[in-house]
């Protein structure tokens, strides 16, 4: 009976695992990898909303600042908060558009890479 070399067995297992991963990669990229990207995209959008504190600004838009309840203070507070909400919403829209580009780039990246390899 011939003794098997443990080093050759490990090399064979490694090569087999590498081939398996290379064959599984496209399936993973467009299934669970893409779902992970979508979850991360959603977390980024929620994080942007929270970092801009838009919910707090919208909830307090009619509340006067600094506890000043006279008419002039209420008007000034409302318009200052309105300006803040408008600018923060503009920033939110821009950031959301940029964040939504991530899954599109994620989907297109392997296709563009293969296309570039073929034409060059």
Protein backbone atom coordinates (compact mmCIF):
# COMPACT_ATOMS: atom_id res chain seq x y z
CA UNK A 1 0.00 0.00 0.00
CA UNK A 2 1.26 3.39 -0.96
CA UNK A 3 1.41 6.21 1.64
CA UNK A 4 -0.30 9.46 0.68
CA UNK A 5 1.65 12.67 0.97
CA UNK A 6 -0.20 15.15 3.26
CA UNK A 7 1.28 18.12 1.43
CA UNK A 8 -0.10 16.92 -1.91
CA UNK A 9 -3.49 16.31 -0.33
CA UNK A 10 -3.58 19.88 1.04
CA UNK A 11 -2.49 21.31 -2.32
CA UNK A 12 -5.25 19.37 -4.05
CA UNK A 13 -7.84 20.54 -1.51
CA UNK A 14 -6.66 24.13 -1.94
CA UNK A 15 -6.88 23.96 -5.73
CA UNK A 16 -10.34 22.39 -5.51
CA UNK A 17 -11.51 25.10 -3.09
CA UNK A 18 -10.12 27.80 -5.39
CA UNK A 19 -11.95 26.37 -8.41
CA UNK A 20 -15.16 26.09 -6.38
CA UNK A 21 -14.89 29.72 -5.24
CA UNK A 22 -14.18 30.95 -8.78
CA UNK A 23 -17.24 29.11 -10.10
CA UNK A 24 -19.47 30.25 -7.22
CA UNK A 25 -18.35 33.89 -7.35
CA UNK A 26 -20.72 35.16 -10.13
CA UNK A 27 -23.69 33.52 -8.42
CA UNK A 28 -22.76 35.08 -5.10
CA UNK A 29 -22.05 38.52 -6.66
CA UNK A 30 -25.53 38.82 -8.15
CA UNK A 31 -27.45 37.16 -5.29
CA UNK A 32 -26.41 37.45 -1.66
CA UNK A 33 -23.57 39.89 -2.42
CA UNK A 34 -26.04 42.22 -4.11
CA UNK A 35 -28.48 41.86 -1.20
CA UNK A 36 -25.68 42.82 1.20
CA UNK A 37 -24.98 45.88 -0.97
CA UNK A 38 -28.67 46.85 -0.92
CA UNK A 39 -28.81 46.50 2.87
CA UNK A 40 -25.69 48.66 3.19
CA UNK A 41 -27.22 51.21 0.84
CA UNK A 42 -30.36 51.39 2.97
CA UNK A 43 -28.27 51.79 6.11
CA UNK A 44 -26.32 54.62 4.48
CA UNK A 45 -29.51 56.44 3.51
CA UNK A 46 -30.95 56.06 7.02
CA UNK A 47 -27.63 57.18 8.47
CA UNK A 48 -27.64 60.25 6.27
CA UNK A 49 -31.20 61.08 7.39
CA UNK A 50 -30.16 60.72 11.02
CA UNK A 51 -26.93 62.67 10.64
CA UNK A 52 -28.82 65.55 9.04
CA UNK A 53 -31.41 65.24 11.85
CA UNK A 54 -34.23 65.89 9.43
CA UNK A 55 -36.81 64.17 11.62
CA UNK A 56 -35.96 66.42 14.54
CA UNK A 57 -36.01 69.57 12.40
CA UNK A 58 -39.40 68.63 10.92
CA UNK A 59 -40.87 67.73 14.32
CA UNK A 60 -39.83 71.06 15.81
CA UNK A 61 -40.51 73.37 12.88
CA UNK A 62 -43.39 75.15 14.66
CA UNK A 63 -41.72 75.27 18.08
CA UNK A 64 -40.09 78.60 18.90
CA UNK A 65 -36.37 78.66 19.51
CA UNK A 66 -34.87 79.55 22.89
CA UNK A 67 -38.27 79.41 24.60
CA UNK A 68 -39.32 82.78 23.19
CA UNK A 69 -43.07 82.57 22.70
CA UNK A 70 -43.81 86.08 21.40
CA UNK A 71 -45.08 86.51 17.84
CA UNK A 72 -41.85 87.83 16.31
CA UNK A 73 -39.77 85.03 17.82
CA UNK A 74 -42.20 82.40 16.51
CA UNK A 75 -42.04 83.86 12.99
CA UNK A 76 -38.24 84.12 13.05
CA UNK A 77 -37.92 80.59 14.45
CA UNK A 78 -40.28 79.15 11.85
CA UNK A 79 -38.46 80.72 8.90
CA UNK A 80 -35.00 79.85 10.25
CA UNK A 81 -36.06 76.25 10.68
CA UNK A 82 -37.74 76.27 7.28
CA UNK A 83 -34.50 77.41 5.66
CA UNK A 84 -32.62 74.70 7.55
CA UNK A 85 -35.11 72.02 6.47
CA UNK A 86 -34.95 73.13 2.83
CA UNK A 87 -31.15 73.06 2.71
CA UNK A 88 -30.96 69.78 4.59
CA UNK A 89 -33.53 68.25 2.23
CA UNK A 90 -31.45 69.36 -0.76
CA UNK A 91 -28.39 67.74 0.82
CA UNK A 92 -30.45 64.61 1.56
CA UNK A 93 -31.63 64.33 -2.05
CA UNK A 94 -28.09 64.77 -3.40
CA UNK A 95 -26.67 62.23 -0.96
CA UNK A 96 -29.47 59.75 -1.69
CA UNK A 97 -28.81 59.96 -5.42
CA UNK A 98 -25.09 59.42 -4.85
CA UNK A 99 -25.72 56.52 -2.47
CA UNK A 100 -28.13 54.90 -4.95
CA UNK A 101 -25.34 54.87 -7.52
CA UNK A 102 -23.50 52.29 -5.39
CA UNK A 103 -25.75 49.31 -6.30
CA UNK A 104 -25.76 50.35 -9.96
CA UNK A 105 -21.98 50.44 -10.02
CA UNK A 106 -21.92 47.15 -8.11
CA UNK A 107 -24.05 45.46 -10.77
CA UNK A 108 -22.15 46.96 -13.70
CA UNK A 109 -18.60 46.47 -12.42
CA UNK A 110 -18.08 42.79 -13.40
CA UNK A 111 -19.71 43.34 -16.80
CA UNK A 112 -17.52 46.36 -17.54
CA UNK A 113 -14.44 44.50 -16.32
CA UNK A 114 -15.08 41.51 -18.58
CA UNK A 115 -15.91 43.82 -21.49
CA UNK A 116 -12.63 45.72 -20.99
CA UNK A 117 -10.70 42.44 -20.85
CA UNK A 118 -12.30 41.30 -24.10
CA UNK A 119 -11.75 44.50 -26.11
CA UNK A 120 -8.19 44.97 -24.92
